[in-house]
Amino acid sequence: SGGAHCLKYGMTSNHVLGIKAVLATGEVVEWGGGSRERLGPDWCGLFVGNEGLFGIALEITLQLLPKAECFHTVLAGYRTLEQAGDAVSAVIASGLLPGAIEIMDALALEAAVAAVHAEYPPGCEAVLIVELEGPREFVAIERERLDAILAASAPVEMRSARDAEERMAIWKGRKSAFSAVGRLSPDFIVQDGVVPRRKLGEALRRIAEMSLETHIRVANVFHAGDGNLHPLILFDGREAGALHRAEDLAGRILKMCVEMGGSITGEHGIGVEKRGFLEDMFTSDEIDCMQRLRAAFDPHGISNPGKMFPGKEAPALSHVGLHPLEKAGAISRE
């Protein structure tokens, strides 16, 4: 996984120092330890990214980082998503390395405002959140550069958090965005494809075109710093064919990410849902190499079967439409 702060701090795999695991063969292995100064293959990195295909982790040694001393959080609203994307490109091109760069589109903003009363600029098609963090002296110097870059990007409104309370207020809507979308739709599919940062504007434009073409609403919330999109495809599972149409649109978005030089996942992984798209990203030889590596650890394929690779072994995905408690009459969405 990555998250909002992976731009500066990296992914989970960057902070795993050691792993004790039991392999599919029953063998217990220990890789790494309490230091990054180790020789040989990066077995820890290999295990972290295998989605349970090699075995089960028993113990994990993690690297801890000190909490940042100081933060500078800026919110900027834009008339278009492209303007927000251009602002992200300008920040990255400047050499600044913020702790986080996030974007929410108009539909996600509507949900956040309704759900948690987030105070975001009205009438904007996109809101950009940029946060610097680190030693006080560092942030004091970098904040002037950041503010100047964002001010030059023609925002409709721009404001900085003056204290911890205002910082939390800026982040409140973003952190509740996924759950807030439940106010707009009873069901949604979220994907996590990745595109190169310089192509963010184009990707968002194409998603908007697909949304209009299919008459399916899509809310966009994403980690703009590393181009990790999180389109939320809204639908009502109680309507006949709605799930199929939503899944089809989600698949088209993933294929678009690959076409643009990106990936079908930035942090959520492949699992069952995306295994059918692996062939869009890798050649048959590359997939065969991955399967041979998996077989070296699990020759009989008993560890987390049916995940990641295309094939017939995965259980079919099912969707009941209604939650079991709804079926029992215990709760209602009305």
C-alpha atoms as a PDB file:
ATOM      1  CA  SER A   1       0.000   0.000   0.000  1.00  0.00           C
ATOM      2  CA  GLY A   2       1.015   3.608  -0.422  1.00  0.00           C
ATOM      3  CA  GLY A   3      -1.364   6.329   0.698  1.00  0.00           C
ATOM      4  CA  ALA A   4      -1.290  10.096   0.586  1.00  0.00           C
ATOM      5  CA  HIS A   5       2.270  10.386   1.902  1.00  0.00           C
ATOM      6  CA  CYS A   6       3.978   7.810  -0.324  1.00  0.00           C
ATOM      7  CA  LEU A   7       5.349  10.603  -2.538  1.00  0.00           C
ATOM      8  CA  LYS A   8       7.882  11.484   0.151  1.00  0.00           C
ATOM      9  CA  TYR A   9       8.115   8.344   2.256  1.00  0.00           C
ATOM     10  CA  GLY A  10       7.597   5.533  -0.243  1.00  0.00           C
ATOM     11  CA  MET A  11       5.432   2.433  -0.064  1.00  0.00           C
ATOM     12  CA  THR A  12       5.008  -0.163   2.673  1.00  0.00           C
ATOM     13  CA  SER A  13       7.782  -2.274   1.153  1.00  0.00           C
ATOM     14  CA  ASN A  14      10.233   0.583   1.723  1.00  0.00           C
ATOM     15  CA  HIS A  15       9.744   0.250   5.485  1.00  0.00           C
ATOM     16  CA  VAL A  16       9.823  -3.529   5.966  1.00  0.00           C
ATOM     17  CA  LEU A  17      13.182  -4.511   7.464  1.00  0.00           C
ATOM     18  CA  GLY A  18      12.556  -8.157   8.251  1.00  0.00           C
ATOM     19  CA  ILE A  19      10.018 -10.947   7.819  1.00  0.00           C
ATOM     20  CA  LYS A  20       9.473 -14.286   9.522  1.00  0.00           C
ATOM     21  CA  ALA A  21       7.154 -16.390   7.389  1.00  0.00           C
ATOM     22  CA  VAL A  22       5.924 -19.916   6.839  1.00  0.00           C
ATOM     23  CA  LEU A  23       6.097 -20.974   3.197  1.00  0.00           C
ATOM     24  CA  ALA A  24       3.552 -23.155   1.437  1.00  0.00           C
ATOM     25  CA  THR A  25       5.940 -26.099   1.940  1.00  0.00           C
ATOM     26  CA  GLY A  26       5.710 -25.660   5.709  1.00  0.00           C
ATOM     27  CA  GLU A  27       9.248 -24.300   5.986  1.00  0.00           C
ATOM     28  CA  VAL A  28       9.664 -21.356   8.367  1.00  0.00           C
ATOM     29  CA  VAL A  29      12.064 -18.719   7.025  1.00  0.00           C
ATOM     30  CA  GLU A  30      13.497 -15.478   8.387  1.00  0.00           C
ATOM     31  CA  TRP A  31      14.643 -12.746   6.014  1.00  0.00           C
ATOM     32  CA  GLY A  32      16.198  -9.388   6.776  1.00  0.00           C
ATOM     33  CA  GLY A  33      16.405  -8.082  10.306  1.00  0.00           C
ATOM     34  CA  GLY A  34      16.740  -4.840  12.185  1.00  0.00           C
ATOM     35  CA  SER A  35      19.005  -3.138   9.664  1.00  0.00           C
ATOM     36  CA  ARG A  36      18.940  -2.215   5.992  1.00  0.00           C
ATOM     37  CA  GLU A  37      22.623  -3.118   5.662  1.00  0.00           C
ATOM     38  CA  ARG A  38      22.179  -6.647   4.334  1.00  0.00           C
ATOM     39  CA  LEU A  39      23.601  -8.648   1.442  1.00  0.00           C
ATOM     40  CA  GLY A  40      22.040 -10.899  -1.160  1.00  0.00           C
ATOM     41  CA  PRO A  41      18.618 -10.865  -2.838  1.00  0.00           C
ATOM     42  CA  ASP A  42      15.861  -8.675  -1.411  1.00  0.00           C
ATOM     43  CA  TRP A  43      13.686 -11.516  -0.131  1.00  0.00           C
ATOM     44  CA  CYS A  44      11.665  -9.111   2.014  1.00  0.00           C
ATOM     45  CA  GLY A  45      10.743  -6.982  -0.984  1.00  0.00           C
ATOM     46  CA  LEU A  46       9.798 -10.092  -2.930  1.00  0.00           C
ATOM     47  CA  PHE A  47       7.561 -11.378  -0.146  1.00  0.00           C
ATOM     48  CA  VAL A  48       5.825  -8.048   0.496  1.00  0.00           C
ATOM     49  CA  GLY A  49       4.631  -7.846  -3.098  1.00  0.00           C
ATOM     50  CA  ASN A  50       3.521 -11.454  -3.574  1.00  0.00           C
ATOM     51  CA  GLU A  51      -0.100 -11.091  -2.341  1.00  0.00           C
ATOM     52  CA  GLY A  52       0.128 -14.248  -0.227  1.00  0.00           C
ATOM     53  CA  LEU A  53       1.256 -16.502  -3.085  1.00  0.00           C
ATOM     54  CA  PHE A  54       4.462 -17.590  -1.326  1.00  0.00           C
ATOM     55  CA  GLY A  55       3.229 -18.141   2.210  1.00  0.00           C
ATOM     56  CA  ILE A  56       2.012 -16.463   5.391  1.00  0.00           C
ATOM     57  CA  ALA A  57       3.831 -13.767   7.359  1.00  0.00           C
ATOM     58  CA  LEU A  58       4.252 -14.610  11.038  1.00  0.00           C
ATOM     59  CA  GLU A  59       6.300 -11.609  12.170  1.00  0.00           C
ATOM     60  CA  ILE A  60       7.229  -8.359  10.424  1.00  0.00           C
ATOM     61  CA  THR A  61       9.926  -5.904  11.522  1.00  0.00           C
ATOM     62  CA  LEU A  62       9.090  -2.355  10.464  1.00  0.00           C
ATOM     63  CA  GLN A  63      11.125   0.817  10.262  1.00  0.00           C
ATOM     64  CA  LEU A  64       9.589   3.649  12.285  1.00  0.00           C
ATOM     65  CA  LEU A  65      10.017   7.299  11.366  1.00  0.00           C
ATOM     66  CA  PRO A  66       9.861  10.267  13.728  1.00  0.00           C
ATOM     67  CA  LYS A  67       6.736  12.386  13.509  1.00  0.00           C
ATOM     68  CA  ALA A  68       7.285  15.525  11.463  1.00  0.00           C
ATOM     69  CA  GLU A  69       8.085  18.592  13.549  1.00  0.00           C
ATOM     70  CA  CYS A  70       6.209  21.080  11.387  1.00  0.00           C
ATOM     71  CA  PHE A  71       3.536  21.133   8.662  1.00  0.00           C
ATOM     72  CA  HIS A  72       2.466  23.639   6.036  1.00  0.00           C
ATOM     73  CA  THR A  73      -0.853  22.652   4.467  1.00  0.00           C
ATOM     74  CA  VAL A  74      -2.306  24.530   1.505  1.00  0.00           C
ATOM     75  CA  LEU A  75      -5.707  24.160  -0.138  1.00  0.00           C
ATOM     76  CA  ALA A  76      -6.322  25.551  -3.630  1.00  0.00           C
ATOM     77  CA  GLY A  77      -9.538  25.432  -5.648  1.00  0.00           C
ATOM     78  CA  TYR A  78      -9.589  25.406  -9.468  1.00  0.00           C
ATOM     79  CA  ARG A  79     -12.131  25.920 -12.227  1.00  0.00           C
ATOM     80  CA  THR A  80     -10.975  22.777 -14.041  1.00  0.00           C
ATOM     81  CA  LEU A  81      -9.270  19.491 -13.223  1.00  0.00           C
ATOM     82  CA  GLU A  82      -6.657  20.260 -15.852  1.00  0.00           C
ATOM     83  CA  GLN A  83      -5.631  23.418 -13.985  1.00  0.00           C
ATOM     84  CA  ALA A  84      -5.221  21.387 -10.807  1.00  0.00           C
ATOM     85  CA  GLY A  85      -3.154  18.812 -12.702  1.00  0.00           C
ATOM     86  CA  ASP A  86      -0.960  21.542 -14.170  1.00  0.00           C
ATOM     87  CA  ALA A  87      -0.396  22.921 -10.669  1.00  0.00           C
ATOM     88  CA  VAL A  88       0.809  19.483  -9.539  1.00  0.00           C
ATOM     89  CA  SER A  89       3.255  19.344 -12.461  1.00  0.00           C
ATOM     90  CA  ALA A  90       4.563  22.799 -11.549  1.00  0.00           C
ATOM     91  CA  VAL A  91       5.147  21.799  -7.923  1.00  0.00           C
ATOM     92  CA  ILE A  92       7.031  18.625  -8.872  1.00  0.00           C
ATOM     93  CA  ALA A  93       9.042  20.395 -11.592  1.00  0.00           C
ATOM     94  CA  SER A  94      10.215  22.952  -9.024  1.00  0.00           C
ATOM     95  CA  GLY A  95      12.118  20.280  -7.123  1.00  0.00           C
ATOM     96  CA  LEU A  96       9.927  20.514  -4.036  1.00  0.00           C
ATOM     97  CA  LEU A  97       9.062  17.209  -2.360  1.00  0.00           C
ATOM     98  CA  PRO A  98       5.815  17.648  -0.415  1.00  0.00           C
ATOM     99  CA  GLY A  99       4.648  15.043   2.052  1.00  0.00           C
ATOM    100  CA  ALA A 100       1.372  14.774   0.153  1.00  0.00           C
ATOM    101  CA  ILE A 101      -0.371  16.091  -2.968  1.00  0.00           C
ATOM    102  CA  GLU A 102      -4.055  15.180  -3.258  1.00  0.00           C
ATOM    103  CA  ILE A 103      -6.854  16.145  -5.664  1.00  0.00           C
ATOM    104  CA  MET A 104     -10.632  15.793  -5.341  1.00  0.00           C
ATOM    105  CA  ASP A 105     -13.050  16.524  -8.180  1.00  0.00           C
ATOM    106  CA  ALA A 106     -16.455  18.236  -8.030  1.00  0.00           C
ATOM    107  CA  LEU A 107     -18.440  15.062  -7.318  1.00  0.00           C
ATOM    108  CA  ALA A 108     -16.104  14.010  -4.500  1.00  0.00           C
ATOM    109  CA  LEU A 109     -16.269  17.554  -3.104  1.00  0.00           C
ATOM    110  CA  GLU A 110     -20.059  17.447  -3.166  1.00  0.00           C
ATOM    111  CA  ALA A 111     -20.009  14.237  -1.138  1.00  0.00           C
ATOM    112  CA  ALA A 112     -17.435  15.505   1.384  1.00  0.00           C
ATOM    113  CA  VAL A 113     -19.276  18.772   1.970  1.00  0.00           C
ATOM    114  CA  ALA A 114     -22.584  16.955   2.484  1.00  0.00           C
ATOM    115  CA  ALA A 115     -21.157  14.244   4.737  1.00  0.00           C
ATOM    116  CA  VAL A 116     -18.717  16.059   7.026  1.00  0.00           C
ATOM    117  CA  HIS A 117     -19.431  19.720   6.212  1.00  0.00           C
ATOM    118  CA  ALA A 118     -15.939  20.173   4.799  1.00  0.00           C
ATOM    119  CA  GLU A 119     -15.289  23.848   4.070  1.00  0.00           C
ATOM    120  CA  TYR A 120     -14.066  23.729   0.496  1.00  0.00           C
ATOM    121  CA  PRO A 121     -14.335  26.550  -2.083  1.00  0.00           C
ATOM    122  CA  PRO A 122     -17.790  26.466  -3.744  1.00  0.00           C
ATOM    123  CA  GLY A 123     -18.151  26.186  -7.506  1.00  0.00           C
ATOM    124  CA  CYS A 124     -14.771  24.526  -8.095  1.00  0.00           C
ATOM    125  CA  GLU A 125     -14.242  21.560 -10.391  1.00  0.00           C
ATOM    126  CA  ALA A 126     -11.214  20.471  -8.376  1.00  0.00           C
ATOM    127  CA  VAL A 127      -9.509  21.063  -5.053  1.00  0.00           C
ATOM    128  CA  LEU A 128      -5.789  20.500  -4.557  1.00  0.00           C
ATOM    129  CA  ILE A 129      -4.253  19.798  -1.140  1.00  0.00           C
ATOM    130  CA  VAL A 130      -0.480  20.131  -0.832  1.00  0.00           C
ATOM    131  CA  GLU A 131       1.351  19.548   2.432  1.00  0.00           C
ATOM    132  CA  LEU A 132       4.985  20.190   3.308  1.00  0.00           C
ATOM    133  CA  GLU A 133       6.368  18.535   6.413  1.00  0.00           C
ATOM    134  CA  GLY A 134       9.686  18.192   8.174  1.00  0.00           C
ATOM    135  CA  PRO A 135      12.023  20.257  10.378  1.00  0.00           C
ATOM    136  CA  ARG A 136      10.709  23.737  11.150  1.00  0.00           C
ATOM    137  CA  GLU A 137      13.600  25.489   9.379  1.00  0.00           C
ATOM    138  CA  PHE A 138      13.082  23.408   6.228  1.00  0.00           C
ATOM    139  CA  VAL A 139       9.343  24.051   6.067  1.00  0.00           C
ATOM    140  CA  ALA A 140       9.841  27.786   6.674  1.00  0.00           C
ATOM    141  CA  ILE A 141      12.040  28.025   3.581  1.00  0.00           C
ATOM    142  CA  GLU A 142      10.051  25.726   1.305  1.00  0.00           C
ATOM    143  CA  ARG A 143       6.626  27.185   2.104  1.00  0.00           C
ATOM    144  CA  GLU A 144       7.431  30.460   0.348  1.00  0.00           C
ATOM    145  CA  ARG A 145       8.329  28.618  -2.851  1.00  0.00           C
ATOM    146  CA  LEU A 146       5.226  26.436  -2.668  1.00  0.00           C
ATOM    147  CA  ASP A 147       2.883  29.353  -2.033  1.00  0.00           C
ATOM    148  CA  ALA A 148       4.366  31.279  -4.962  1.00  0.00           C
ATOM    149  CA  ILE A 149       3.995  28.317  -7.340  1.00  0.00           C
ATOM    150  CA  LEU A 150       0.381  27.690  -6.375  1.00  0.00           C
ATOM    151  CA  ALA A 151      -0.513  31.389  -6.496  1.00  0.00           C
ATOM    152  CA  ALA A 152       0.813  31.476 -10.068  1.00  0.00           C
ATOM    153  CA  SER A 153      -1.421  28.535 -11.071  1.00  0.00           C
ATOM    154  CA  ALA A 154      -4.552  30.740 -11.147  1.00  0.00           C
ATOM    155  CA  PRO A 155      -6.577  29.170  -8.332  1.00  0.00           C
ATOM    156  CA  VAL A 156     -10.092  30.437  -7.648  1.00  0.00           C
ATOM    157  CA  GLU A 157      -9.251  30.388  -3.954  1.00  0.00           C
ATOM    158  CA  MET A 158      -6.150  29.496  -1.971  1.00  0.00           C
ATOM    159  CA  ARG A 159      -5.603  29.289   1.767  1.00  0.00           C
ATOM    160  CA  SER A 160      -3.081  27.871   4.212  1.00  0.00           C
ATOM    161  CA  ALA A 161      -3.723  26.247   7.567  1.00  0.00           C
ATOM    162  CA  ARG A 162      -2.646  28.552  10.381  1.00  0.00           C
ATOM    163  CA  ASP A 163      -2.747  25.905  13.095  1.00  0.00           C
ATOM    164  CA  ALA A 164      -3.361  22.201  13.707  1.00  0.00           C
ATOM    165  CA  GLU A 165      -7.127  22.674  13.840  1.00  0.00           C
ATOM    166  CA  GLU A 166      -7.258  24.312  10.411  1.00  0.00           C
ATOM    167  CA  ARG A 167      -4.958  21.615   9.042  1.00  0.00           C
ATOM    168  CA  MET A 168      -7.347  18.934  10.247  1.00  0.00           C
ATOM    169  CA  ALA A 169     -10.255  20.841   8.711  1.00  0.00           C
ATOM    170  CA  ILE A 170      -8.544  20.846   5.301  1.00  0.00           C
ATOM    171  CA  TRP A 171      -7.853  17.106   5.516  1.00  0.00           C
ATOM    172  CA  LYS A 172     -11.254  16.211   6.962  1.00  0.00           C
ATOM    173  CA  GLY A 173     -13.069  16.027   3.643  1.00  0.00           C
ATOM    174  CA  ARG A 174     -10.283  14.132   1.894  1.00  0.00           C
ATOM    175  CA  LYS A 175      -9.968  11.498   4.604  1.00  0.00           C
ATOM    176  CA  SER A 176     -13.726  10.882   4.596  1.00  0.00           C
ATOM    177  CA  ALA A 177     -14.174  11.043   0.813  1.00  0.00           C
ATOM    178  CA  PHE A 178     -14.707   7.325   0.171  1.00  0.00           C
ATOM    179  CA  SER A 179     -17.318   6.858   2.880  1.00  0.00           C
ATOM    180  CA  ALA A 180     -18.909  10.207   1.997  1.00  0.00           C
ATOM    181  CA  VAL A 181     -19.617   9.001  -1.544  1.00  0.00           C
ATOM    182  CA  GLY A 182     -22.188   6.690   0.052  1.00  0.00           C
ATOM    183  CA  ARG A 183     -24.423   9.753   0.246  1.00  0.00           C
ATOM    184  CA  LEU A 184     -24.411   9.972  -3.544  1.00  0.00           C
ATOM    185  CA  SER A 185     -24.749   6.297  -4.418  1.00  0.00           C
ATOM    186  CA  PRO A 186     -25.601   3.051  -2.587  1.00  0.00           C
ATOM    187  CA  ASP A 187     -22.696   1.241  -4.260  1.00  0.00           C
ATOM    188  CA  PHE A 188     -19.412   2.099  -5.907  1.00  0.00           C
ATOM    189  CA  ILE A 189     -16.331   0.410  -7.347  1.00  0.00           C
ATOM    190  CA  VAL A 190     -12.991   2.018  -6.586  1.00  0.00           C
ATOM    191  CA  GLN A 191      -9.928   1.398  -8.725  1.00  0.00           C
ATOM    192  CA  ASP A 192      -6.322   2.475  -8.284  1.00  0.00           C
ATOM    193  CA  GLY A 193      -4.692   2.678 -11.691  1.00  0.00           C
ATOM    194  CA  VAL A 194      -1.617   4.841 -12.201  1.00  0.00           C
ATOM    195  CA  VAL A 195      -0.674   7.245 -14.990  1.00  0.00           C
ATOM    196  CA  PRO A 196       2.472   9.368 -15.445  1.00  0.00           C
ATOM    197  CA  ARG A 197       2.018  12.659 -13.577  1.00  0.00           C
ATOM    198  CA  ARG A 198       2.402  14.685 -16.758  1.00  0.00           C
ATOM    199  CA  LYS A 199      -0.638  12.868 -18.182  1.00  0.00           C
ATOM    200  CA  LEU A 200      -2.988  13.425 -15.243  1.00  0.00           C
ATOM    201  CA  GLY A 201      -5.013  16.064 -17.073  1.00  0.00           C
ATOM    202  CA  GLU A 202      -5.459  13.848 -20.133  1.00  0.00           C
ATOM    203  CA  ALA A 203      -6.435  10.856 -17.986  1.00  0.00           C
ATOM    204  CA  LEU A 204      -9.082  12.829 -16.112  1.00  0.00           C
ATOM    205  CA  ARG A 205     -10.471  14.210 -19.366  1.00  0.00           C
ATOM    206  CA  ARG A 206     -10.771  10.707 -20.801  1.00  0.00           C
ATOM    207  CA  ILE A 207     -12.460   9.411 -17.646  1.00  0.00           C
ATOM    208  CA  ALA A 208     -14.968  12.274 -17.888  1.00  0.00           C
ATOM    209  CA  GLU A 209     -15.664  11.353 -21.520  1.00  0.00           C
ATOM    210  CA  MET A 210     -16.241   7.704 -20.576  1.00  0.00           C
ATOM    211  CA  SER A 211     -18.569   8.806 -17.787  1.00  0.00           C
ATOM    212  CA  LEU A 212     -20.676  10.862 -20.199  1.00  0.00           C
ATOM    213  CA  GLU A 213     -20.687   8.088 -22.788  1.00  0.00           C
ATOM    214  CA  THR A 214     -21.863   5.409 -20.338  1.00  0.00           C
ATOM    215  CA  HIS A 215     -24.138   7.660 -18.232  1.00  0.00           C
ATOM    216  CA  ILE A 216     -22.305   6.438 -15.125  1.00  0.00           C
ATOM    217  CA  ARG A 217     -21.096   9.004 -12.602  1.00  0.00           C
ATOM    218  CA  VAL A 218     -17.441   8.849 -11.580  1.00  0.00           C
ATOM    219  CA  ALA A 219     -15.977  10.677  -8.583  1.00  0.00           C
ATOM    220  CA  ASN A 220     -12.208  11.182  -8.650  1.00  0.00           C
ATOM    221  CA  VAL A 221     -10.070  11.236  -5.515  1.00  0.00           C
ATOM    222  CA  PHE A 222      -6.398  10.557  -6.033  1.00  0.00           C
ATOM    223  CA  HIS A 223      -2.792  10.769  -4.921  1.00  0.00           C
ATOM    224  CA  ALA A 224      -1.690  13.324  -7.492  1.00  0.00           C
ATOM    225  CA  GLY A 225       1.927  13.258  -6.359  1.00  0.00           C
ATOM    226  CA  ASP A 226       2.571   9.822  -7.868  1.00  0.00           C
ATOM    227  CA  GLY A 227      -0.254   9.745 -10.434  1.00  0.00           C
ATOM    228  CA  ASN A 228      -2.266   7.164  -8.482  1.00  0.00           C
ATOM    229  CA  LEU A 229      -5.898   7.559  -9.554  1.00  0.00           C
ATOM    230  CA  HIS A 230      -8.830   6.438  -7.409  1.00  0.00           C
ATOM    231  CA  PRO A 231     -11.905   6.720  -9.639  1.00  0.00           C
ATOM    232  CA  LEU A 232     -15.073   5.783  -7.782  1.00  0.00           C
ATOM    233  CA  ILE A 233     -17.629   4.377 -10.234  1.00  0.00           C
ATOM    234  CA  LEU A 234     -21.077   4.989  -8.758  1.00  0.00           C
ATOM    235  CA  PHE A 235     -23.963   2.562  -9.297  1.00  0.00           C
ATOM    236  CA  ASP A 236     -26.945   0.924  -7.608  1.00  0.00           C
ATOM    237  CA  GLY A 237     -26.478  -2.828  -7.296  1.00  0.00           C
ATOM    238  CA  ARG A 238     -30.233  -3.305  -7.020  1.00  0.00           C
ATOM    239  CA  GLU A 239     -30.663  -2.292 -10.662  1.00  0.00           C
ATOM    240  CA  ALA A 240     -30.407  -5.083 -13.227  1.00  0.00           C
ATOM    241  CA  GLY A 241     -27.115  -4.934 -15.105  1.00  0.00           C
ATOM    242  CA  ALA A 242     -25.781  -1.969 -13.097  1.00  0.00           C
ATOM    243  CA  LEU A 243     -22.865  -3.895 -11.592  1.00  0.00           C
ATOM    244  CA  HIS A 244     -21.821  -5.282 -14.974  1.00  0.00           C
ATOM    245  CA  ARG A 245     -21.837  -1.809 -16.536  1.00  0.00           C
ATOM    246  CA  ALA A 246     -19.842  -0.371 -13.625  1.00  0.00           C
ATOM    247  CA  GLU A 247     -17.268  -3.186 -13.822  1.00  0.00           C
ATOM    248  CA  ASP A 248     -16.955  -2.663 -17.570  1.00  0.00           C
ATOM    249  CA  LEU A 249     -16.242   1.042 -17.070  1.00  0.00           C
ATOM    250  CA  ALA A 250     -13.715   0.263 -14.315  1.00  0.00           C
ATOM    251  CA  GLY A 251     -11.942  -2.100 -16.712  1.00  0.00           C
ATOM    252  CA  ARG A 252     -11.840   0.509 -19.465  1.00  0.00           C
ATOM    253  CA  ILE A 253     -10.210   2.955 -17.060  1.00  0.00           C
ATOM    254  CA  LEU A 254      -7.544   0.403 -16.104  1.00  0.00           C
ATOM    255  CA  LYS A 255      -6.795  -0.335 -19.759  1.00  0.00           C
ATOM    256  CA  MET A 256      -6.503   3.415 -20.370  1.00  0.00           C
ATOM    257  CA  CYS A 257      -3.910   3.672 -17.589  1.00  0.00           C
ATOM    258  CA  VAL A 258      -1.776   0.979 -19.232  1.00  0.00           C
ATOM    259  CA  GLU A 259      -2.127   2.630 -22.666  1.00  0.00           C
ATOM    260  CA  MET A 260      -0.835   5.877 -21.165  1.00  0.00           C
ATOM    261  CA  GLY A 261       2.290   4.201 -19.810  1.00  0.00           C
ATOM    262  CA  GLY A 262       0.967   3.538 -16.323  1.00  0.00           C
ATOM    263  CA  SER A 263      -0.168   0.553 -14.279  1.00  0.00           C
ATOM    264  CA  ILE A 264      -3.353  -1.282 -13.320  1.00  0.00           C
ATOM    265  CA  THR A 265      -2.551  -0.794  -9.641  1.00  0.00           C
ATOM    266  CA  GLY A 266      -0.648   1.670  -7.521  1.00  0.00           C
ATOM    267  CA  GLU A 267      -1.241   0.214  -4.081  1.00  0.00           C
ATOM    268  CA  HIS A 268      -4.336  -2.021  -3.883  1.00  0.00           C
ATOM    269  CA  GLY A 269      -2.785  -4.973  -5.688  1.00  0.00           C
ATOM    270  CA  ILE A 270      -4.238  -7.447  -8.208  1.00  0.00           C
ATOM    271  CA  GLY A 271      -6.114 -10.049  -6.175  1.00  0.00           C
ATOM    272  CA  VAL A 272      -9.059 -11.601  -8.015  1.00  0.00           C
ATOM    273  CA  GLU A 273     -10.672  -8.472  -9.395  1.00  0.00           C
ATOM    274  CA  LYS A 274      -7.815  -7.337 -11.641  1.00  0.00           C
ATOM    275  CA  ARG A 275      -6.219 -10.629 -12.595  1.00  0.00           C
ATOM    276  CA  GLY A 276      -7.951 -10.518 -15.970  1.00  0.00           C
ATOM    277  CA  PHE A 277      -6.067  -7.307 -16.790  1.00  0.00           C
ATOM    278  CA  LEU A 278      -2.582  -8.651 -16.088  1.00  0.00           C
ATOM    279  CA  GLU A 279      -2.181  -9.619 -19.748  1.00  0.00           C
ATOM    280  CA  ASP A 280      -2.818  -6.001 -20.771  1.00  0.00           C
ATOM    281  CA  MET A 281       0.281  -4.967 -18.862  1.00  0.00           C
ATOM    282  CA  PHE A 282       2.679  -7.906 -19.200  1.00  0.00           C
ATOM    283  CA  THR A 283       3.711 -10.247 -22.000  1.00  0.00           C
ATOM    284  CA  SER A 284       3.038 -13.983 -21.787  1.00  0.00           C
ATOM    285  CA  ASP A 285       6.763 -14.544 -21.159  1.00  0.00           C
ATOM    286  CA  GLU A 286       6.751 -12.080 -18.259  1.00  0.00           C
ATOM    287  CA  ILE A 287       3.687 -13.713 -16.704  1.00  0.00           C
ATOM    288  CA  ASP A 288       5.279 -17.148 -17.181  1.00  0.00           C
ATOM    289  CA  CYS A 289       8.385 -15.907 -15.352  1.00  0.00           C
ATOM    290  CA  MET A 290       6.220 -14.715 -12.446  1.00  0.00           C
ATOM    291  CA  GLN A 291       4.408 -18.055 -12.287  1.00  0.00           C
ATOM    292  CA  ARG A 292       7.704 -19.959 -12.280  1.00  0.00           C
ATOM    293  CA  LEU A 293       8.904 -17.819  -9.393  1.00  0.00           C
ATOM    294  CA  ARG A 294       5.682 -18.535  -7.529  1.00  0.00           C
ATOM    295  CA  ALA A 295       6.121 -22.283  -8.202  1.00  0.00           C
ATOM    296  CA  ALA A 296       9.610 -22.170  -6.673  1.00  0.00           C
ATOM    297  CA  PHE A 297       8.040 -21.181  -3.340  1.00  0.00           C
ATOM    298  CA  ASP A 298       4.715 -22.989  -3.730  1.00  0.00           C
ATOM    299  CA  PRO A 299       5.004 -25.853  -6.243  1.00  0.00           C
ATOM    300  CA  HIS A 300       1.436 -27.052  -5.676  1.00  0.00           C
ATOM    301  CA  GLY A 301      -0.252 -23.633  -5.728  1.00  0.00           C
ATOM    302  CA  ILE A 302      -1.935 -24.045  -2.351  1.00  0.00           C
ATOM    303  CA  SER A 303      -1.058 -20.625  -0.906  1.00  0.00           C
ATOM    304  CA  ASN A 304      -3.843 -18.101  -1.575  1.00  0.00           C
ATOM    305  CA  PRO A 305      -4.949 -19.840  -4.795  1.00  0.00           C
ATOM    306  CA  GLY A 306      -6.757 -18.015  -7.577  1.00  0.00           C
ATOM    307  CA  LYS A 307      -5.129 -14.644  -7.021  1.00  0.00           C
ATOM    308  CA  MET A 308      -3.151 -12.396  -9.353  1.00  0.00           C
ATOM    309  CA  PHE A 309      -2.624 -14.672 -12.365  1.00  0.00           C
ATOM    310  CA  PRO A 310      -5.098 -15.218 -15.230  1.00  0.00           C
ATOM    311  CA  GLY A 311      -6.576 -18.718 -15.239  1.00  0.00           C
ATOM    312  CA  LYS A 312      -9.537 -20.882 -14.306  1.00  0.00           C
ATOM    313  CA  GLU A 313      -8.741 -21.450 -10.652  1.00  0.00           C
ATOM    314  CA  ALA A 314     -10.241 -18.258  -9.204  1.00  0.00           C
ATOM    315  CA  PRO A 315     -13.693 -18.394  -7.628  1.00  0.00           C
ATOM    316  CA  ALA A 316     -16.218 -16.310  -9.521  1.00  0.00           C
ATOM    317  CA  LEU A 317     -16.847 -12.846  -8.178  1.00  0.00           C
ATOM    318  CA  SER A 318     -20.366 -12.455  -6.837  1.00  0.00           C
ATOM    319  CA  HIS A 319     -22.388  -9.446  -5.827  1.00  0.00           C
ATOM    320  CA  VAL A 320     -25.580  -9.818  -3.839  1.00  0.00           C
ATOM    321  CA  GLY A 321     -26.767  -6.244  -4.383  1.00  0.00           C
ATOM    322  CA  LEU A 322     -28.276  -5.970  -0.908  1.00  0.00           C
ATOM    323  CA  HIS A 323     -26.370  -6.280   2.346  1.00  0.00           C
ATOM    324  CA  PRO A 324     -27.408  -9.381   4.359  1.00  0.00           C
ATOM    325  CA  LEU A 325     -28.864  -7.091   7.045  1.00  0.00           C
ATOM    326  CA  GLU A 326     -30.952  -5.364   4.374  1.00  0.00           C
ATOM    327  CA  LYS A 327     -32.245  -8.721   3.190  1.00  0.00           C
ATOM    328  CA  ALA A 328     -33.221  -9.532   6.759  1.00  0.00           C
ATOM    329  CA  GLY A 329     -35.028  -6.214   7.068  1.00  0.00           C
ATOM    330  CA  ALA A 330     -32.769  -5.072   9.910  1.00  0.00           C
ATOM    331  CA  ILE A 331     -31.515  -1.960   8.094  1.00  0.00           C
ATOM    332  CA  SER A 332     -32.604   0.186   5.178  1.00  0.00           C
ATOM    333  CA  ARG A 333     -30.901   2.712   2.910  1.00  0.00           C
ATOM    334  CA  GLU A 334     -34.070   4.737   2.553  1.00  0.00           C
END
